[in-house]
N, C-alpha and C. Protein backbone atom coordinates (compact mmCIF):
# COMPACT_ATOMS: atom_id res chain seq x y z
N MET A 1 17.68 20.85 -30.33
CA MET A 1 17.54 21.26 -28.94
C MET A 1 16.08 21.51 -28.59
N ILE A 2 15.34 22.14 -29.48
CA ILE A 2 13.94 22.43 -29.22
C ILE A 2 13.13 21.13 -29.21
N VAL A 3 13.49 20.19 -30.06
CA VAL A 3 12.81 18.89 -30.09
C VAL A 3 13.02 18.16 -28.77
N LEU A 4 14.24 18.21 -28.23
CA LEU A 4 14.53 17.58 -26.96
C LEU A 4 13.72 18.24 -25.84
N LEU A 5 13.66 19.54 -25.81
CA LEU A 5 12.89 20.27 -24.81
C LEU A 5 11.41 19.91 -24.91
N ALA A 6 10.89 19.82 -26.11
CA ALA A 6 9.48 19.46 -26.30
C ALA A 6 9.22 18.03 -25.83
N ALA A 7 10.17 17.13 -26.08
CA ALA A 7 10.02 15.74 -25.64
C ALA A 7 10.03 15.64 -24.12
N VAL A 8 10.92 16.36 -23.47
CA VAL A 8 11.00 16.35 -22.00
C VAL A 8 9.73 16.95 -21.41
N LEU A 9 9.25 18.05 -21.96
CA LEU A 9 8.03 18.68 -21.49
C LEU A 9 6.84 17.75 -21.66
N GLY A 10 6.75 17.08 -22.79
CA GLY A 10 5.67 16.13 -23.03
C GLY A 10 5.71 14.96 -22.07
N ALA A 11 6.91 14.44 -21.81
CA ALA A 11 7.07 13.30 -20.91
C ALA A 11 6.69 13.68 -19.48
N THR A 12 7.12 14.85 -19.03
CA THR A 12 6.79 15.26 -17.66
C THR A 12 5.30 15.54 -17.52
N THR A 13 4.69 16.08 -18.54
CA THR A 13 3.24 16.31 -18.51
C THR A 13 2.50 14.98 -18.41
N PHE A 14 2.93 13.99 -19.18
CA PHE A 14 2.31 12.68 -19.15
C PHE A 14 2.48 12.02 -17.79
N ILE A 15 3.66 12.12 -17.22
CA ILE A 15 3.91 11.55 -15.89
C ILE A 15 3.02 12.24 -14.85
N GLY A 16 2.90 13.55 -14.93
CA GLY A 16 2.01 14.28 -14.03
C GLY A 16 0.57 13.83 -14.18
N TYR A 17 0.15 13.58 -15.40
CA TYR A 17 -1.20 13.09 -15.66
C TYR A 17 -1.40 11.72 -15.00
N LEU A 18 -0.41 10.83 -15.12
CA LEU A 18 -0.52 9.51 -14.51
C LEU A 18 -0.61 9.60 -12.98
N PHE A 19 0.17 10.50 -12.37
CA PHE A 19 0.08 10.71 -10.93
C PHE A 19 -1.32 11.20 -10.56
N GLY A 20 -1.83 12.15 -11.31
CA GLY A 20 -3.16 12.69 -11.04
C GLY A 20 -4.26 11.67 -11.17
N GLN A 21 -4.12 10.71 -12.07
CA GLN A 21 -5.10 9.65 -12.26
C GLN A 21 -4.94 8.53 -11.23
N GLY A 22 -3.85 8.56 -10.46
CA GLY A 22 -3.59 7.50 -9.50
C GLY A 22 -3.00 6.25 -10.12
N ARG A 23 -2.59 6.32 -11.37
CA ARG A 23 -2.01 5.16 -12.05
C ARG A 23 -0.53 5.02 -11.77
N LEU A 24 0.05 6.04 -11.18
CA LEU A 24 1.47 6.04 -10.87
C LEU A 24 1.60 6.61 -9.47
N THR A 25 2.37 5.96 -8.61
CA THR A 25 2.58 6.44 -7.25
C THR A 25 4.06 6.42 -6.91
N LEU A 26 4.42 7.20 -5.92
CA LEU A 26 5.79 7.20 -5.45
C LEU A 26 6.02 6.01 -4.54
N PRO A 27 7.18 5.36 -4.62
CA PRO A 27 7.47 4.26 -3.70
C PRO A 27 7.53 4.77 -2.26
N SER A 28 7.14 3.91 -1.33
CA SER A 28 7.15 4.30 0.07
C SER A 28 8.57 4.65 0.54
N SER A 29 9.60 4.10 -0.09
CA SER A 29 10.97 4.43 0.30
C SER A 29 11.28 5.91 0.05
N ILE A 30 10.61 6.50 -0.94
CA ILE A 30 10.80 7.93 -1.22
C ILE A 30 9.91 8.76 -0.30
N THR A 31 8.62 8.42 -0.20
CA THR A 31 7.71 9.23 0.61
C THR A 31 8.07 9.18 2.09
N ALA A 32 8.70 8.09 2.54
CA ALA A 32 9.08 7.98 3.95
C ALA A 32 10.14 9.01 4.33
N SER A 33 10.95 9.44 3.35
CA SER A 33 12.02 10.39 3.65
C SER A 33 11.59 11.85 3.45
N LEU A 34 10.34 12.07 3.05
CA LEU A 34 9.84 13.43 2.83
C LEU A 34 9.10 13.93 4.06
N PRO A 35 9.02 15.25 4.25
CA PRO A 35 8.19 15.78 5.33
C PRO A 35 6.75 15.31 5.12
N PRO A 36 6.01 15.00 6.21
CA PRO A 36 4.66 14.46 6.09
C PRO A 36 3.72 15.32 5.24
N SER A 37 3.83 16.65 5.36
CA SER A 37 2.93 17.51 4.60
C SER A 37 3.19 17.40 3.10
N LEU A 38 4.45 17.25 2.70
CA LEU A 38 4.79 17.10 1.29
C LEU A 38 4.41 15.70 0.79
N ALA A 39 4.71 14.69 1.60
CA ALA A 39 4.37 13.31 1.21
C ALA A 39 2.87 13.15 1.03
N ALA A 40 2.07 13.79 1.88
CA ALA A 40 0.61 13.70 1.77
C ALA A 40 0.13 14.31 0.46
N GLY A 41 0.77 15.36 0.02
CA GLY A 41 0.38 15.99 -1.23
C GLY A 41 0.81 15.22 -2.46
N LEU A 42 1.83 14.38 -2.32
CA LEU A 42 2.33 13.62 -3.46
C LEU A 42 1.75 12.22 -3.56
N THR A 43 1.12 11.76 -2.48
CA THR A 43 0.54 10.43 -2.52
C THR A 43 -0.97 10.55 -2.59
N ARG A 44 -1.56 9.57 -3.19
CA ARG A 44 -3.00 9.55 -3.37
C ARG A 44 -3.59 8.63 -2.32
N SER A 45 -4.65 9.06 -1.66
CA SER A 45 -5.31 8.22 -0.68
C SER A 45 -5.93 7.02 -1.38
N ASN A 46 -5.55 5.83 -0.95
CA ASN A 46 -6.07 4.63 -1.57
C ASN A 46 -7.38 4.17 -0.96
N SER A 47 -7.88 4.92 0.03
CA SER A 47 -9.17 4.54 0.60
C SER A 47 -10.31 4.99 -0.30
N VAL A 48 -10.04 5.88 -1.24
CA VAL A 48 -11.06 6.33 -2.17
C VAL A 48 -10.98 5.45 -3.40
N THR A 49 -12.08 4.74 -3.71
CA THR A 49 -12.05 3.81 -4.82
C THR A 49 -12.87 4.30 -5.99
N ALA A 50 -13.37 5.52 -5.95
CA ALA A 50 -14.25 6.01 -7.02
C ALA A 50 -13.54 6.04 -8.37
N ASP A 51 -12.23 6.29 -8.40
CA ASP A 51 -11.51 6.38 -9.66
C ASP A 51 -10.95 5.04 -10.12
N LEU A 52 -11.10 4.00 -9.32
CA LEU A 52 -10.57 2.70 -9.71
C LEU A 52 -11.44 2.05 -10.78
N PRO A 53 -10.82 1.32 -11.68
CA PRO A 53 -11.62 0.54 -12.62
C PRO A 53 -12.50 -0.45 -11.84
N THR A 54 -13.66 -0.75 -12.36
CA THR A 54 -14.61 -1.62 -11.68
C THR A 54 -13.97 -2.94 -11.26
N GLU A 55 -13.13 -3.51 -12.11
CA GLU A 55 -12.51 -4.80 -11.81
C GLU A 55 -11.67 -4.73 -10.52
N LEU A 56 -10.98 -3.61 -10.30
CA LEU A 56 -10.11 -3.50 -9.12
C LEU A 56 -10.90 -3.28 -7.84
N LYS A 57 -12.12 -2.77 -7.94
CA LYS A 57 -12.96 -2.61 -6.76
C LYS A 57 -13.39 -3.96 -6.21
N ASN A 58 -13.21 -5.01 -7.00
CA ASN A 58 -13.60 -6.36 -6.58
C ASN A 58 -12.54 -7.05 -5.74
N TYR A 59 -11.42 -6.38 -5.45
CA TYR A 59 -10.34 -6.97 -4.67
C TYR A 59 -10.11 -6.15 -3.41
N ALA A 60 -9.70 -6.85 -2.35
CA ALA A 60 -9.40 -6.14 -1.11
C ALA A 60 -8.42 -6.93 -0.26
N PHE A 61 -7.56 -6.20 0.44
CA PHE A 61 -6.71 -6.80 1.45
C PHE A 61 -7.49 -6.82 2.75
N GLU A 62 -7.28 -7.85 3.55
CA GLU A 62 -7.91 -7.96 4.87
C GLU A 62 -6.86 -8.44 5.86
N LEU A 63 -6.83 -7.79 7.02
CA LEU A 63 -5.96 -8.28 8.09
C LEU A 63 -6.59 -9.54 8.67
N ILE A 64 -5.81 -10.57 8.87
CA ILE A 64 -6.34 -11.78 9.48
C ILE A 64 -6.57 -11.54 10.96
N ASP A 65 -5.65 -10.84 11.62
CA ASP A 65 -5.82 -10.42 13.01
C ASP A 65 -5.66 -8.92 13.08
N THR A 66 -6.63 -8.22 13.66
CA THR A 66 -6.56 -6.76 13.76
C THR A 66 -5.85 -6.31 15.03
N GLN A 67 -5.41 -7.26 15.86
CA GLN A 67 -4.62 -6.93 17.04
C GLN A 67 -3.37 -7.77 17.06
N ALA A 68 -2.30 -7.19 17.60
CA ALA A 68 -1.03 -7.91 17.70
C ALA A 68 -0.33 -7.45 18.97
N LYS A 69 0.57 -8.28 19.43
CA LYS A 69 1.39 -7.92 20.58
C LYS A 69 2.46 -6.92 20.16
N GLN A 70 2.75 -5.99 21.04
CA GLN A 70 3.85 -5.06 20.80
C GLN A 70 5.14 -5.86 20.73
N GLY A 71 6.04 -5.48 19.82
CA GLY A 71 7.31 -6.18 19.65
C GLY A 71 7.36 -6.86 18.30
N GLU A 72 8.23 -7.88 18.18
CA GLU A 72 8.37 -8.57 16.90
C GLU A 72 7.18 -9.48 16.66
N VAL A 73 6.57 -9.32 15.48
CA VAL A 73 5.39 -10.11 15.11
C VAL A 73 5.43 -10.41 13.61
N VAL A 74 4.60 -11.34 13.20
CA VAL A 74 4.37 -11.60 11.79
C VAL A 74 2.92 -11.27 11.51
N LEU A 75 2.71 -10.29 10.65
CA LEU A 75 1.37 -9.87 10.27
C LEU A 75 0.91 -10.71 9.08
N ALA A 76 -0.33 -11.17 9.15
CA ALA A 76 -0.90 -11.97 8.06
C ALA A 76 -2.02 -11.16 7.41
N VAL A 77 -1.93 -11.05 6.08
CA VAL A 77 -2.91 -10.29 5.30
C VAL A 77 -3.43 -11.21 4.20
N ARG A 78 -4.73 -11.16 4.01
CA ARG A 78 -5.36 -11.96 2.96
C ARG A 78 -5.77 -11.03 1.83
N LEU A 79 -5.55 -11.43 0.60
CA LEU A 79 -6.05 -10.70 -0.57
C LEU A 79 -7.18 -11.55 -1.14
N VAL A 80 -8.38 -10.94 -1.22
CA VAL A 80 -9.55 -11.69 -1.68
C VAL A 80 -10.24 -10.99 -2.84
N ARG A 81 -10.95 -11.78 -3.59
CA ARG A 81 -11.85 -11.26 -4.62
C ARG A 81 -13.20 -11.14 -3.92
N LYS A 82 -13.66 -9.90 -3.69
CA LYS A 82 -14.83 -9.64 -2.85
C LYS A 82 -16.11 -10.35 -3.30
N PRO A 83 -16.46 -10.39 -4.59
CA PRO A 83 -17.73 -11.03 -4.96
C PRO A 83 -17.82 -12.51 -4.57
N THR A 84 -16.67 -13.19 -4.58
CA THR A 84 -16.68 -14.62 -4.30
C THR A 84 -16.07 -14.97 -2.95
N GLY A 85 -15.29 -14.05 -2.38
CA GLY A 85 -14.58 -14.34 -1.14
C GLY A 85 -13.38 -15.25 -1.34
N GLN A 86 -13.05 -15.54 -2.58
CA GLN A 86 -11.94 -16.44 -2.89
C GLN A 86 -10.60 -15.74 -2.71
N PRO A 87 -9.60 -16.47 -2.19
CA PRO A 87 -8.25 -15.88 -2.06
C PRO A 87 -7.62 -15.65 -3.42
N VAL A 88 -6.79 -14.61 -3.48
CA VAL A 88 -6.08 -14.27 -4.72
C VAL A 88 -4.61 -14.63 -4.52
N THR A 89 -4.15 -15.57 -5.31
CA THR A 89 -2.75 -15.99 -5.22
C THR A 89 -1.95 -15.33 -6.34
N GLY A 90 -0.65 -15.28 -6.14
CA GLY A 90 0.24 -14.80 -7.18
C GLY A 90 0.26 -13.29 -7.38
N ALA A 91 -0.33 -12.53 -6.47
CA ALA A 91 -0.27 -11.07 -6.60
C ALA A 91 1.15 -10.60 -6.31
N ILE A 92 1.55 -9.54 -6.98
CA ILE A 92 2.87 -8.95 -6.77
C ILE A 92 2.68 -7.73 -5.87
N ILE A 93 3.10 -7.85 -4.63
CA ILE A 93 2.99 -6.73 -3.69
C ILE A 93 4.25 -5.89 -3.83
N PHE A 94 4.08 -4.69 -4.38
CA PHE A 94 5.24 -3.84 -4.64
C PHE A 94 5.25 -2.62 -3.73
N GLY A 95 4.18 -2.33 -3.07
CA GLY A 95 4.13 -1.19 -2.16
C GLY A 95 3.70 -1.66 -0.79
N ARG A 96 4.49 -1.35 0.21
CA ARG A 96 4.13 -1.72 1.58
C ARG A 96 4.73 -0.71 2.54
N ARG A 97 3.91 -0.32 3.51
CA ARG A 97 4.37 0.65 4.50
C ARG A 97 3.60 0.40 5.79
N LEU A 98 4.27 0.53 6.91
CA LEU A 98 3.64 0.41 8.21
C LEU A 98 4.03 1.64 9.02
N ASP A 99 3.03 2.40 9.45
CA ASP A 99 3.31 3.61 10.22
C ASP A 99 2.22 3.83 11.26
N MET A 100 2.42 4.83 12.09
CA MET A 100 1.46 5.15 13.15
C MET A 100 0.61 6.37 12.80
N ALA A 101 0.25 6.51 11.53
CA ALA A 101 -0.59 7.63 11.09
C ALA A 101 -1.89 7.74 11.88
N PRO A 102 -2.56 6.63 12.25
CA PRO A 102 -3.80 6.77 13.02
C PRO A 102 -3.61 7.42 14.38
N GLU A 103 -2.39 7.39 14.88
CA GLU A 103 -2.07 8.02 16.17
C GLU A 103 -1.50 9.43 15.97
N GLY A 104 -1.51 9.92 14.73
CA GLY A 104 -0.97 11.24 14.44
C GLY A 104 0.54 11.27 14.30
N MET A 105 1.14 10.09 14.08
CA MET A 105 2.59 10.00 13.95
C MET A 105 2.96 9.26 12.66
N PRO A 106 2.69 9.86 11.50
CA PRO A 106 2.97 9.16 10.24
C PRO A 106 4.45 8.91 9.99
N THR A 107 5.33 9.63 10.69
CA THR A 107 6.77 9.42 10.47
C THR A 107 7.31 8.28 11.34
N MET A 108 6.48 7.77 12.26
CA MET A 108 6.87 6.62 13.08
C MET A 108 6.58 5.37 12.24
N THR A 109 7.61 4.82 11.61
CA THR A 109 7.43 3.70 10.70
C THR A 109 8.14 2.44 11.24
N ALA A 110 7.78 1.32 10.65
CA ALA A 110 8.44 0.06 10.97
C ALA A 110 8.72 -0.68 9.66
N LYS A 111 9.83 -1.39 9.64
CA LYS A 111 10.18 -2.17 8.45
C LYS A 111 9.24 -3.36 8.32
N LEU A 112 8.96 -3.71 7.08
CA LEU A 112 8.15 -4.89 6.77
C LEU A 112 8.98 -5.83 5.92
N GLU A 113 9.19 -7.04 6.40
CA GLU A 113 9.94 -8.04 5.64
C GLU A 113 8.99 -9.13 5.17
N PRO A 114 8.81 -9.28 3.86
CA PRO A 114 7.95 -10.36 3.37
C PRO A 114 8.46 -11.72 3.84
N GLN A 115 7.52 -12.59 4.19
CA GLN A 115 7.85 -13.92 4.66
C GLN A 115 7.19 -14.97 3.77
N PRO A 116 7.76 -16.16 3.67
CA PRO A 116 7.13 -17.20 2.86
C PRO A 116 5.83 -17.68 3.51
N THR A 117 4.91 -18.13 2.68
CA THR A 117 3.64 -18.64 3.17
C THR A 117 3.22 -19.85 2.34
N THR A 118 2.40 -20.69 2.94
CA THR A 118 1.88 -21.86 2.22
C THR A 118 0.37 -21.74 2.02
N LYS A 119 -0.26 -20.75 2.61
CA LYS A 119 -1.71 -20.59 2.48
C LYS A 119 -2.03 -19.75 1.26
N PRO A 120 -2.96 -20.19 0.42
CA PRO A 120 -3.33 -19.43 -0.78
C PRO A 120 -3.93 -18.07 -0.43
N GLY A 121 -3.43 -17.03 -1.07
CA GLY A 121 -3.96 -15.69 -0.89
C GLY A 121 -3.54 -15.00 0.39
N VAL A 122 -2.69 -15.64 1.19
CA VAL A 122 -2.22 -15.05 2.44
C VAL A 122 -0.79 -14.57 2.24
N TYR A 123 -0.54 -13.33 2.65
CA TYR A 123 0.77 -12.72 2.52
C TYR A 123 1.24 -12.35 3.92
N LEU A 124 2.48 -12.72 4.26
CA LEU A 124 3.02 -12.52 5.60
C LEU A 124 4.13 -11.48 5.59
N PHE A 125 4.17 -10.69 6.68
CA PHE A 125 5.19 -9.66 6.82
C PHE A 125 5.69 -9.65 8.26
N LYS A 126 7.00 -9.81 8.42
CA LYS A 126 7.62 -9.73 9.73
C LYS A 126 7.92 -8.27 10.02
N THR A 127 7.64 -7.83 11.26
CA THR A 127 7.88 -6.44 11.63
C THR A 127 8.12 -6.35 13.13
N ASP A 128 8.46 -5.15 13.57
CA ASP A 128 8.63 -4.87 14.99
C ASP A 128 7.73 -3.69 15.33
N LEU A 129 6.65 -3.95 16.07
CA LEU A 129 5.74 -2.89 16.51
C LEU A 129 6.33 -2.30 17.79
N ALA A 130 7.12 -1.25 17.63
CA ALA A 130 7.90 -0.69 18.72
C ALA A 130 7.05 -0.02 19.80
N MET A 131 5.87 0.43 19.43
CA MET A 131 5.00 1.13 20.38
C MET A 131 3.61 0.52 20.35
N GLU A 132 2.92 0.59 21.48
CA GLU A 132 1.53 0.17 21.47
C GLU A 132 0.68 1.27 20.85
N GLY A 133 -0.46 0.90 20.32
CA GLY A 133 -1.35 1.88 19.69
C GLY A 133 -1.76 1.41 18.30
N ALA A 134 -2.36 2.33 17.56
CA ALA A 134 -2.87 2.01 16.22
C ALA A 134 -1.78 2.19 15.18
N TRP A 135 -1.65 1.19 14.31
CA TRP A 135 -0.69 1.18 13.21
C TRP A 135 -1.46 1.05 11.91
N GLN A 136 -0.99 1.75 10.87
CA GLN A 136 -1.61 1.67 9.55
C GLN A 136 -0.70 0.89 8.61
N LEU A 137 -1.27 -0.17 8.03
CA LEU A 137 -0.56 -0.99 7.06
C LEU A 137 -1.09 -0.62 5.68
N SER A 138 -0.23 -0.06 4.84
CA SER A 138 -0.60 0.35 3.48
C SER A 138 0.04 -0.65 2.51
N LEU A 139 -0.80 -1.22 1.65
CA LEU A 139 -0.32 -2.22 0.69
C LEU A 139 -0.81 -1.88 -0.71
N ALA A 140 0.03 -2.16 -1.69
CA ALA A 140 -0.32 -1.99 -3.11
C ALA A 140 0.17 -3.22 -3.86
N ALA A 141 -0.68 -3.73 -4.75
CA ALA A 141 -0.33 -4.96 -5.46
C ALA A 141 -0.87 -4.97 -6.87
N LYS A 142 -0.21 -5.73 -7.70
CA LYS A 142 -0.68 -6.03 -9.05
C LYS A 142 -1.27 -7.43 -9.01
N VAL A 143 -2.48 -7.57 -9.55
CA VAL A 143 -3.15 -8.86 -9.62
C VAL A 143 -3.04 -9.35 -11.06
N GLN A 144 -2.67 -10.60 -11.21
CA GLN A 144 -2.51 -11.17 -12.55
C GLN A 144 -3.81 -11.05 -13.33
N GLY A 145 -3.69 -10.56 -14.55
CA GLY A 145 -4.84 -10.45 -15.43
C GLY A 145 -5.64 -9.17 -15.29
N GLU A 146 -5.24 -8.28 -14.37
CA GLU A 146 -5.97 -7.03 -14.15
C GLU A 146 -5.05 -5.84 -14.44
N MET A 147 -5.65 -4.79 -14.97
CA MET A 147 -4.91 -3.54 -15.20
C MET A 147 -5.07 -2.67 -13.95
N GLY A 148 -4.01 -2.00 -13.56
CA GLY A 148 -4.08 -1.09 -12.42
C GLY A 148 -3.55 -1.74 -11.16
N THR A 149 -3.77 -1.04 -10.05
CA THR A 149 -3.21 -1.43 -8.77
C THR A 149 -4.30 -1.60 -7.73
N VAL A 150 -4.25 -2.68 -6.99
CA VAL A 150 -5.12 -2.89 -5.84
C VAL A 150 -4.38 -2.30 -4.65
N ALA A 151 -5.02 -1.40 -3.92
CA ALA A 151 -4.36 -0.77 -2.79
C ALA A 151 -5.35 -0.58 -1.65
N ASN A 152 -4.88 -0.82 -0.44
CA ASN A 152 -5.69 -0.64 0.76
C ASN A 152 -4.82 -0.13 1.89
N LYS A 153 -5.48 0.55 2.82
CA LYS A 153 -4.85 0.96 4.07
C LYS A 153 -5.65 0.29 5.19
N LEU A 154 -4.96 -0.52 5.97
CA LEU A 154 -5.59 -1.29 7.04
C LEU A 154 -5.04 -0.82 8.38
N VAL A 155 -5.87 -0.88 9.42
CA VAL A 155 -5.44 -0.43 10.73
C VAL A 155 -5.46 -1.61 11.69
N LEU A 156 -4.37 -1.75 12.46
CA LEU A 156 -4.29 -2.78 13.49
C LEU A 156 -3.86 -2.13 14.79
N LYS A 157 -4.16 -2.80 15.89
CA LYS A 157 -3.80 -2.31 17.21
C LYS A 157 -2.68 -3.15 17.78
N ALA A 158 -1.67 -2.49 18.32
CA ALA A 158 -0.59 -3.16 19.03
C ALA A 158 -0.84 -2.98 20.52
N ALA A 159 -0.89 -4.08 21.24
CA ALA A 159 -1.14 -4.05 22.67
C ALA A 159 0.10 -4.55 23.41
N PRO A 160 0.29 -4.08 24.65
CA PRO A 160 1.47 -4.53 25.42
C PRO A 160 1.41 -6.01 25.75
């Protein structure tokens, strides 16, 4: 019994350490159902890159268009290797969230449906921008051959 307790304590400590290092994050499906003040404390801001390995600082998501019409749209995002500007294909995007945090409404979210694409390094997401204003697109991805997670928060404007 004591061995089991020690194992559980060790595992939870290790998981806490991974969260603190930013190597482990909660899925947006969980944080979306939490009160904003609690979700903010459990998620790590991905705009700070000081703790990222050097290799991951070389990657970034970019919105192809920073403005969109209010309503149903397809958002196009490019993943690039910054030193060369080359598109990154084959990334696994496992974290995605669209909300109105820039407008002070982080609980106002919209679903993102991945769409097929033929352009290298371009990732498409179908969504419904229900309100005009600033929307924050948060993305997290694994890049083949790299350790860690590439994550960015991008802001776009929805106009009537």
